[in-house]
Amino acid sequence: MTKQTTTDFGYEQVATEEKARRVANVFTSVASEYDLMNDIMSLGVHRLWKRKAVHLCAIRKNFHVLDLAGGTGDVARLIHDQLGDDGRVTLCDINADMLQQGRNRFIDKGIIKGIDYVQGNAEALPFADNSFDCMTIAFGLRNVTDKEAALRSMYDKLKYGSQLVILEFSKIVIPFLDKLYDQYSFKLIPQFGKLVADDEASYQYLVESIRMHPDQDSLALMMQKAGFDKVQYHNLSGGVVAIHRGYKL
């Protein structure tokens, strides 16, 4: 098999080794305003999407959960709230600035117990195999250079009988909504980025990266190829986002 030498960075084709650096620059740039921008772009609905994803995890009090691309920690906080004294959540992100934002958020809330912080690449997770009772990744998979490698790594680190839950932007399934969504995404979101985060280019990339991400069925097939069983997905907000679930059996 010929190794892929280029990949997408939004609508641009770049060398595979270049994408990780450019994505890192994007998230370093937007880290301080990331949560505010999420609220503005989704009108706060992203919080409901994340709650739904965590609900589907069926977390038990003693679980050790890995939250990948966890960034500023909002999903990890929802997970942490469901854990008991013996449970732990590991907040993992490849970007140090995003990880620092998440750590600061937990410390500011006085939460120290039951939370770990690890800087790591989803394509080669720095954990022992069969380590986690559940794994989540919210709005992070589309930024990974080699998604197939990342899914294989996630599979390896899960315990048998455990599930991976992916929350990600997807393909709209309601007629005409896609055209309205395109108008909103391409015309307004970069302008919000310019006004709020002083970074129009990063939010232009984020909009484009959504369009380049695999659709629901394609991602489900990728999960199956990585080894996951009982793969299913749920569309939210007409397919603006989808939650994919798969088990390691």
C-alpha atoms as a PDB file:
ATOM      1  CA  MET A   1       0.000   0.000   0.000  1.00  0.00           C
ATOM      2  CA  THR A   2       1.353   3.395  -0.966  1.00  0.00           C
ATOM      3  CA  LYS A   3       1.593   5.712   2.010  1.00  0.00           C
ATOM      4  CA  GLN A   4      -0.541   8.827   1.709  1.00  0.00           C
ATOM      5  CA  THR A   5       1.661  11.907   1.331  1.00  0.00           C
ATOM      6  CA  THR A   6      -0.994  14.628   1.315  1.00  0.00           C
ATOM      7  CA  THR A   7      -4.182  15.245   3.265  1.00  0.00           C
ATOM      8  CA  ASP A   8      -6.837  17.894   3.663  1.00  0.00           C
ATOM      9  CA  PHE A   9      -6.460  20.988   5.785  1.00  0.00           C
ATOM     10  CA  GLY A  10      -9.898  22.410   5.238  1.00  0.00           C
ATOM     11  CA  TYR A  11     -10.223  22.662   1.465  1.00  0.00           C
ATOM     12  CA  GLU A  12      -6.467  22.870   1.003  1.00  0.00           C
ATOM     13  CA  GLN A  13      -4.247  19.863   0.315  1.00  0.00           C
ATOM     14  CA  VAL A  14      -1.108  19.813   2.442  1.00  0.00           C
ATOM     15  CA  ALA A  15       1.658  17.350   3.225  1.00  0.00           C
ATOM     16  CA  THR A  16       0.537  14.861   5.874  1.00  0.00           C
ATOM     17  CA  GLU A  17       3.301  15.921   8.254  1.00  0.00           C
ATOM     18  CA  GLU A  18       2.219  19.543   7.828  1.00  0.00           C
ATOM     19  CA  LYS A  19      -1.411  19.132   8.923  1.00  0.00           C
ATOM     20  CA  ALA A  20      -0.692  18.413  12.586  1.00  0.00           C
ATOM     21  CA  ARG A  21       1.423  21.556  12.883  1.00  0.00           C
ATOM     22  CA  ARG A  22      -1.186  23.730  11.223  1.00  0.00           C
ATOM     23  CA  VAL A  23      -4.038  22.307  13.290  1.00  0.00           C
ATOM     24  CA  ALA A  24      -1.943  22.927  16.409  1.00  0.00           C
ATOM     25  CA  ASN A  25      -1.525  26.550  15.394  1.00  0.00           C
ATOM     26  CA  VAL A  26      -5.301  26.890  14.927  1.00  0.00           C
ATOM     27  CA  PHE A  27      -6.128  25.649  18.399  1.00  0.00           C
ATOM     28  CA  THR A  28      -3.318  27.547  20.066  1.00  0.00           C
ATOM     29  CA  SER A  29      -4.776  30.660  18.480  1.00  0.00           C
ATOM     30  CA  VAL A  30      -8.380  30.047  19.535  1.00  0.00           C
ATOM     31  CA  ALA A  31      -7.842  28.387  22.944  1.00  0.00           C
ATOM     32  CA  SER A  32      -8.666  31.398  25.123  1.00  0.00           C
ATOM     33  CA  GLU A  33     -11.951  32.142  23.332  1.00  0.00           C
ATOM     34  CA  TYR A  34     -12.851  28.576  22.379  1.00  0.00           C
ATOM     35  CA  ASP A  35     -15.750  28.093  24.798  1.00  0.00           C
ATOM     36  CA  LEU A  36     -17.257  31.504  24.106  1.00  0.00           C
ATOM     37  CA  MET A  37     -17.085  30.875  20.365  1.00  0.00           C
ATOM     38  CA  ASN A  38     -18.754  27.475  20.755  1.00  0.00           C
ATOM     39  CA  ASP A  39     -21.656  29.131  22.557  1.00  0.00           C
ATOM     40  CA  ILE A  40     -21.946  31.831  19.896  1.00  0.00           C
ATOM     41  CA  MET A  41     -21.653  29.519  16.884  1.00  0.00           C
ATOM     42  CA  SER A  42     -24.171  26.943  18.152  1.00  0.00           C
ATOM     43  CA  LEU A  43     -26.386  29.327  20.158  1.00  0.00           C
ATOM     44  CA  GLY A  44     -25.481  27.177  23.148  1.00  0.00           C
ATOM     45  CA  VAL A  45     -26.836  23.969  21.629  1.00  0.00           C
ATOM     46  CA  HIS A  46     -23.387  22.311  21.738  1.00  0.00           C
ATOM     47  CA  ARG A  47     -23.943  21.875  25.478  1.00  0.00           C
ATOM     48  CA  LEU A  48     -27.049  19.761  24.830  1.00  0.00           C
ATOM     49  CA  TRP A  49     -25.228  17.695  22.194  1.00  0.00           C
ATOM     50  CA  LYS A  50     -22.428  16.957  24.663  1.00  0.00           C
ATOM     51  CA  ARG A  51     -24.848  16.029  27.439  1.00  0.00           C
ATOM     52  CA  LYS A  52     -26.551  13.584  25.085  1.00  0.00           C
ATOM     53  CA  ALA A  53     -23.223  11.995  24.151  1.00  0.00           C
ATOM     54  CA  VAL A  54     -22.180  11.572  27.773  1.00  0.00           C
ATOM     55  CA  HIS A  55     -25.602  10.158  28.649  1.00  0.00           C
ATOM     56  CA  LEU A  56     -25.114   7.454  26.008  1.00  0.00           C
ATOM     57  CA  CYS A  57     -21.830   6.461  27.668  1.00  0.00           C
ATOM     58  CA  ALA A  58     -23.793   4.875  30.553  1.00  0.00           C
ATOM     59  CA  ILE A  59     -20.972   5.759  32.954  1.00  0.00           C
ATOM     60  CA  ARG A  60     -20.713   3.829  36.207  1.00  0.00           C
ATOM     61  CA  LYS A  61     -19.275   5.247  39.403  1.00  0.00           C
ATOM     62  CA  ASN A  62     -16.001   3.282  39.204  1.00  0.00           C
ATOM     63  CA  PHE A  63     -15.274   3.840  35.505  1.00  0.00           C
ATOM     64  CA  HIS A  64     -11.974   5.132  34.158  1.00  0.00           C
ATOM     65  CA  VAL A  65     -12.967   7.236  31.157  1.00  0.00           C
ATOM     66  CA  LEU A  66     -10.705   8.752  28.517  1.00  0.00           C
ATOM     67  CA  ASP A  67     -11.912  12.029  27.024  1.00  0.00           C
ATOM     68  CA  LEU A  68      -9.909  12.531  23.844  1.00  0.00           C
ATOM     69  CA  ALA A  69      -9.372  15.946  22.262  1.00  0.00           C
ATOM     70  CA  GLY A  70     -10.926  17.099  25.518  1.00  0.00           C
ATOM     71  CA  GLY A  71      -9.532  20.606  25.236  1.00  0.00           C
ATOM     72  CA  THR A  72     -11.186  22.986  27.656  1.00  0.00           C
ATOM     73  CA  GLY A  73     -12.757  20.175  29.647  1.00  0.00           C
ATOM     74  CA  ASP A  74     -16.505  20.663  29.249  1.00  0.00           C
ATOM     75  CA  VAL A  75     -17.127  17.025  28.324  1.00  0.00           C
ATOM     76  CA  ALA A  76     -14.680  15.806  30.975  1.00  0.00           C
ATOM     77  CA  ARG A  77     -16.604  17.828  33.571  1.00  0.00           C
ATOM     78  CA  LEU A  78     -19.876  16.139  32.592  1.00  0.00           C
ATOM     79  CA  ILE A  79     -18.134  12.764  32.910  1.00  0.00           C
ATOM     80  CA  HIS A  80     -16.524  13.683  36.226  1.00  0.00           C
ATOM     81  CA  ASP A  81     -19.917  14.610  37.678  1.00  0.00           C
ATOM     82  CA  GLN A  82     -21.107  11.026  37.111  1.00  0.00           C
ATOM     83  CA  LEU A  83     -18.129   9.316  38.725  1.00  0.00           C
ATOM     84  CA  GLY A  84     -17.762   8.178  42.313  1.00  0.00           C
ATOM     85  CA  ASP A  85     -14.711   8.233  44.569  1.00  0.00           C
ATOM     86  CA  ASP A  86     -13.152   5.306  42.696  1.00  0.00           C
ATOM     87  CA  GLY A  87     -13.754   6.702  39.221  1.00  0.00           C
ATOM     88  CA  ARG A  88     -11.368   8.759  37.108  1.00  0.00           C
ATOM     89  CA  VAL A  89     -11.508  10.754  33.910  1.00  0.00           C
ATOM     90  CA  THR A  90      -8.374  11.384  31.886  1.00  0.00           C
ATOM     91  CA  LEU A  91      -8.492  14.584  29.863  1.00  0.00           C
ATOM     92  CA  CYS A  92      -6.240  14.095  26.840  1.00  0.00           C
ATOM     93  CA  ASP A  93      -5.452  16.629  24.124  1.00  0.00           C
ATOM     94  CA  ILE A  94      -2.599  17.015  21.652  1.00  0.00           C
ATOM     95  CA  ASN A  95      -2.539  20.784  22.156  1.00  0.00           C
ATOM     96  CA  ALA A  96      -0.870  22.076  25.320  1.00  0.00           C
ATOM     97  CA  ASP A  97      -2.735  25.388  25.299  1.00  0.00           C
ATOM     98  CA  MET A  98      -6.134  23.721  25.074  1.00  0.00           C
ATOM     99  CA  LEU A  99      -5.157  21.240  27.784  1.00  0.00           C
ATOM    100  CA  GLN A 100      -4.057  24.090  30.036  1.00  0.00           C
ATOM    101  CA  GLN A 101      -7.432  25.766  29.562  1.00  0.00           C
ATOM    102  CA  GLY A 102      -9.132  22.550  30.681  1.00  0.00           C
ATOM    103  CA  ARG A 103      -6.845  22.119  33.676  1.00  0.00           C
ATOM    104  CA  ASN A 104      -7.390  25.705  34.757  1.00  0.00           C
ATOM    105  CA  ARG A 105     -11.141  25.241  34.535  1.00  0.00           C
ATOM    106  CA  PHE A 106     -11.087  22.235  36.872  1.00  0.00           C
ATOM    107  CA  ILE A 107      -8.738  23.923  39.343  1.00  0.00           C
ATOM    108  CA  ASP A 108     -10.846  27.095  39.354  1.00  0.00           C
ATOM    109  CA  LYS A 109     -13.825  24.932  40.338  1.00  0.00           C
ATOM    110  CA  GLY A 110     -11.777  23.316  43.104  1.00  0.00           C
ATOM    111  CA  ILE A 111     -11.823  19.919  41.379  1.00  0.00           C
ATOM    112  CA  ILE A 112      -8.569  18.065  41.907  1.00  0.00           C
ATOM    113  CA  LYS A 113      -9.543  14.475  42.700  1.00  0.00           C
ATOM    114  CA  GLY A 114     -10.483  12.001  39.988  1.00  0.00           C
ATOM    115  CA  ILE A 115      -9.020  13.901  37.023  1.00  0.00           C
ATOM    116  CA  ASP A 116      -5.764  13.424  35.105  1.00  0.00           C
ATOM    117  CA  TYR A 117      -4.293  15.526  32.286  1.00  0.00           C
ATOM    118  CA  VAL A 118      -2.265  13.983  29.487  1.00  0.00           C
ATOM    119  CA  GLN A 119      -0.914  15.594  26.332  1.00  0.00           C
ATOM    120  CA  GLY A 120      -1.144  12.950  23.656  1.00  0.00           C
ATOM    121  CA  ASN A 121      -1.769  12.212  19.998  1.00  0.00           C
ATOM    122  CA  ALA A 122      -4.943  10.253  19.200  1.00  0.00           C
ATOM    123  CA  GLU A 123      -3.073   8.366  16.470  1.00  0.00           C
ATOM    124  CA  ALA A 124      -0.715   6.792  19.034  1.00  0.00           C
ATOM    125  CA  LEU A 125      -2.289   7.108  22.472  1.00  0.00           C
ATOM    126  CA  PRO A 126       0.270   6.978  25.319  1.00  0.00           C
ATOM    127  CA  PHE A 127      -1.627   4.442  27.450  1.00  0.00           C
ATOM    128  CA  ALA A 128      -1.512   0.706  28.025  1.00  0.00           C
ATOM    129  CA  ASP A 129      -3.847  -1.448  25.984  1.00  0.00           C
ATOM    130  CA  ASN A 130      -7.185  -2.354  27.584  1.00  0.00           C
ATOM    131  CA  SER A 131      -7.040   0.584  30.018  1.00  0.00           C
ATOM    132  CA  PHE A 132     -10.389   2.386  29.800  1.00  0.00           C
ATOM    133  CA  ASP A 133     -14.005   1.540  30.582  1.00  0.00           C
ATOM    134  CA  CYS A 134     -15.268   4.126  28.113  1.00  0.00           C
ATOM    135  CA  MET A 135     -13.842   6.644  25.666  1.00  0.00           C
ATOM    136  CA  THR A 136     -15.220   9.888  24.255  1.00  0.00           C
ATOM    137  CA  ILE A 137     -14.067  12.293  21.572  1.00  0.00           C
ATOM    138  CA  ALA A 138     -16.167  15.387  20.870  1.00  0.00           C
ATOM    139  CA  PHE A 139     -15.485  17.577  17.849  1.00  0.00           C
ATOM    140  CA  GLY A 140     -11.919  16.347  17.609  1.00  0.00           C
ATOM    141  CA  LEU A 141     -11.791  13.464  15.152  1.00  0.00           C
ATOM    142  CA  ARG A 142     -12.112  15.652  12.061  1.00  0.00           C
ATOM    143  CA  ASN A 143      -8.859  17.419  13.009  1.00  0.00           C
ATOM    144  CA  VAL A 144      -6.863  14.176  13.176  1.00  0.00           C
ATOM    145  CA  THR A 145      -4.544  13.579  10.227  1.00  0.00           C
ATOM    146  CA  ASP A 146      -4.827   9.776  10.117  1.00  0.00           C
ATOM    147  CA  LYS A 147      -8.310   8.951  11.363  1.00  0.00           C
ATOM    148  CA  GLU A 148      -7.922   5.223  10.675  1.00  0.00           C
ATOM    149  CA  ALA A 149      -4.802   5.061  12.872  1.00  0.00           C
ATOM    150  CA  ALA A 150      -6.576   7.037  15.587  1.00  0.00           C
ATOM    151  CA  LEU A 151      -9.576   4.701  15.598  1.00  0.00           C
ATOM    152  CA  ARG A 152      -7.282   1.669  15.829  1.00  0.00           C
ATOM    153  CA  SER A 153      -5.438   3.264  18.737  1.00  0.00           C
ATOM    154  CA  MET A 154      -8.725   4.029  20.497  1.00  0.00           C
ATOM    155  CA  TYR A 155      -9.823   0.435  20.004  1.00  0.00           C
ATOM    156  CA  ASP A 156      -6.604  -0.894  21.515  1.00  0.00           C
ATOM    157  CA  LYS A 157      -6.830   1.263  24.645  1.00  0.00           C
ATOM    158  CA  LEU A 158     -10.423   0.320  25.454  1.00  0.00           C
ATOM    159  CA  LYS A 159     -11.189  -2.632  27.682  1.00  0.00           C
ATOM    160  CA  TYR A 160     -13.184  -5.480  26.162  1.00  0.00           C
ATOM    161  CA  GLY A 161     -16.895  -4.842  26.526  1.00  0.00           C
ATOM    162  CA  SER A 162     -16.395  -1.070  26.535  1.00  0.00           C
ATOM    163  CA  GLN A 163     -17.536   1.556  24.069  1.00  0.00           C
ATOM    164  CA  LEU A 164     -16.235   4.510  22.124  1.00  0.00           C
ATOM    165  CA  VAL A 165     -18.576   7.491  21.740  1.00  0.00           C
ATOM    166  CA  ILE A 166     -17.798  10.021  18.992  1.00  0.00           C
ATOM    167  CA  LEU A 167     -19.607  13.354  18.783  1.00  0.00           C
ATOM    168  CA  GLU A 168     -18.798  15.162  15.553  1.00  0.00           C
ATOM    169  CA  PHE A 169     -20.240  17.424  12.903  1.00  0.00           C
ATOM    170  CA  SER A 170     -21.774  15.382  10.117  1.00  0.00           C
ATOM    171  CA  LYS A 171     -23.977  15.541   7.023  1.00  0.00           C
ATOM    172  CA  ILE A 172     -27.368  17.251   7.238  1.00  0.00           C
ATOM    173  CA  VAL A 173     -30.237  14.938   6.351  1.00  0.00           C
ATOM    174  CA  ILE A 174     -33.108  17.454   6.232  1.00  0.00           C
ATOM    175  CA  PRO A 175     -33.822  18.953   2.766  1.00  0.00           C
ATOM    176  CA  PHE A 176     -33.031  22.660   2.413  1.00  0.00           C
ATOM    177  CA  LEU A 177     -31.475  22.873   5.893  1.00  0.00           C
ATOM    178  CA  ASP A 178     -28.096  22.148   4.326  1.00  0.00           C
ATOM    179  CA  LYS A 179     -28.292  25.289   2.168  1.00  0.00           C
ATOM    180  CA  LEU A 180     -29.191  27.482   5.137  1.00  0.00           C
ATOM    181  CA  TYR A 181     -26.417  25.876   7.157  1.00  0.00           C
ATOM    182  CA  ASP A 182     -23.892  26.580   4.418  1.00  0.00           C
ATOM    183  CA  GLN A 183     -24.891  30.219   4.315  1.00  0.00           C
ATOM    184  CA  TYR A 184     -24.574  30.510   8.074  1.00  0.00           C
ATOM    185  CA  SER A 185     -21.297  28.593   8.282  1.00  0.00           C
ATOM    186  CA  PHE A 186     -19.347  30.244   5.498  1.00  0.00           C
ATOM    187  CA  LYS A 187     -20.648  33.793   5.841  1.00  0.00           C
ATOM    188  CA  LEU A 188     -21.106  34.275   9.579  1.00  0.00           C
ATOM    189  CA  ILE A 189     -18.855  31.916  11.531  1.00  0.00           C
ATOM    190  CA  PRO A 190     -15.544  33.310  10.149  1.00  0.00           C
ATOM    191  CA  GLN A 191     -16.859  36.799  10.911  1.00  0.00           C
ATOM    192  CA  PHE A 192     -17.676  35.760  14.481  1.00  0.00           C
ATOM    193  CA  GLY A 193     -14.109  34.437  14.706  1.00  0.00           C
ATOM    194  CA  LYS A 194     -12.759  37.759  13.521  1.00  0.00           C
ATOM    195  CA  LEU A 195     -14.842  39.809  15.960  1.00  0.00           C
ATOM    196  CA  VAL A 196     -14.591  37.608  19.056  1.00  0.00           C
ATOM    197  CA  ALA A 197     -11.288  35.783  18.725  1.00  0.00           C
ATOM    198  CA  ASP A 198      -9.524  38.116  16.279  1.00  0.00           C
ATOM    199  CA  ASP A 199      -8.908  35.097  14.072  1.00  0.00           C
ATOM    200  CA  GLU A 200     -11.001  34.756  10.937  1.00  0.00           C
ATOM    201  CA  ALA A 201      -8.675  32.256   9.243  1.00  0.00           C
ATOM    202  CA  SER A 202      -8.879  29.629  11.995  1.00  0.00           C
ATOM    203  CA  TYR A 203     -12.653  29.615  11.923  1.00  0.00           C
ATOM    204  CA  GLN A 204     -12.655  29.458   8.140  1.00  0.00           C
ATOM    205  CA  TYR A 205     -10.574  26.284   8.512  1.00  0.00           C
ATOM    206  CA  LEU A 206     -12.953  24.885  11.117  1.00  0.00           C
ATOM    207  CA  VAL A 207     -15.941  25.404   8.803  1.00  0.00           C
ATOM    208  CA  GLU A 208     -14.115  23.768   5.905  1.00  0.00           C
ATOM    209  CA  SER A 209     -12.954  20.861   8.072  1.00  0.00           C
ATOM    210  CA  ILE A 210     -16.581  20.041   8.843  1.00  0.00           C
ATOM    211  CA  ARG A 211     -17.336  19.684   5.136  1.00  0.00           C
ATOM    212  CA  MET A 212     -14.310  17.428   4.610  1.00  0.00           C
ATOM    213  CA  HIS A 213     -15.178  15.067   7.462  1.00  0.00           C
ATOM    214  CA  PRO A 214     -16.641  11.648   6.531  1.00  0.00           C
ATOM    215  CA  ASP A 215     -20.436  11.421   6.548  1.00  0.00           C
ATOM    216  CA  GLN A 216     -22.352   9.217   8.967  1.00  0.00           C
ATOM    217  CA  ASP A 217     -22.171   5.962   7.023  1.00  0.00           C
ATOM    218  CA  SER A 218     -18.537   6.469   6.024  1.00  0.00           C
ATOM    219  CA  LEU A 219     -17.460   7.031   9.626  1.00  0.00           C
ATOM    220  CA  ALA A 220     -19.450   4.011  10.783  1.00  0.00           C
ATOM    221  CA  LEU A 221     -17.609   1.889   8.209  1.00  0.00           C
ATOM    222  CA  MET A 222     -14.254   3.277   9.357  1.00  0.00           C
ATOM    223  CA  MET A 223     -15.089   2.271  12.937  1.00  0.00           C
ATOM    224  CA  GLN A 224     -15.989  -1.233  11.824  1.00  0.00           C
ATOM    225  CA  LYS A 225     -12.719  -1.557   9.926  1.00  0.00           C
ATOM    226  CA  ALA A 226     -10.862  -0.510  13.074  1.00  0.00           C
ATOM    227  CA  GLY A 227     -12.450  -3.451  14.894  1.00  0.00           C
ATOM    228  CA  PHE A 228     -15.514  -1.959  16.574  1.00  0.00           C
ATOM    229  CA  ASP A 229     -18.715  -3.998  16.807  1.00  0.00           C
ATOM    230  CA  LYS A 230     -22.362  -2.944  17.113  1.00  0.00           C
ATOM    231  CA  VAL A 231     -21.585   0.381  15.462  1.00  0.00           C
ATOM    232  CA  GLN A 232     -24.533   2.750  15.275  1.00  0.00           C
ATOM    233  CA  TYR A 233     -25.123   6.465  15.004  1.00  0.00           C
ATOM    234  CA  HIS A 234     -27.718   9.004  16.046  1.00  0.00           C
ATOM    235  CA  ASN A 235     -28.316  12.237  14.156  1.00  0.00           C
ATOM    236  CA  LEU A 236     -28.867  15.377  16.192  1.00  0.00           C
ATOM    237  CA  SER A 237     -30.244  18.682  14.909  1.00  0.00           C
ATOM    238  CA  GLY A 238     -31.038  17.175  11.549  1.00  0.00           C
ATOM    239  CA  GLY A 239     -27.547  15.764  11.043  1.00  0.00           C
ATOM    240  CA  VAL A 240     -25.648  18.941  11.883  1.00  0.00           C
ATOM    241  CA  VAL A 241     -23.906  16.608  14.307  1.00  0.00           C
ATOM    242  CA  ALA A 242     -24.016  12.863  14.859  1.00  0.00           C
ATOM    243  CA  ILE A 243     -23.102  10.601  17.739  1.00  0.00           C
ATOM    244  CA  HIS A 244     -21.365   7.378  16.699  1.00  0.00           C
ATOM    245  CA  ARG A 245     -20.988   4.471  19.100  1.00  0.00           C
ATOM    246  CA  GLY A 246     -19.015   1.275  18.803  1.00  0.00           C
ATOM    247  CA  TYR A 247     -17.974  -1.519  21.171  1.00  0.00           C
ATOM    248  CA  LYS A 248     -14.803  -3.504  21.660  1.00  0.00           C
ATOM    249  CA  LEU A 249     -16.098  -7.062  22.061  1.00  0.00           C
END
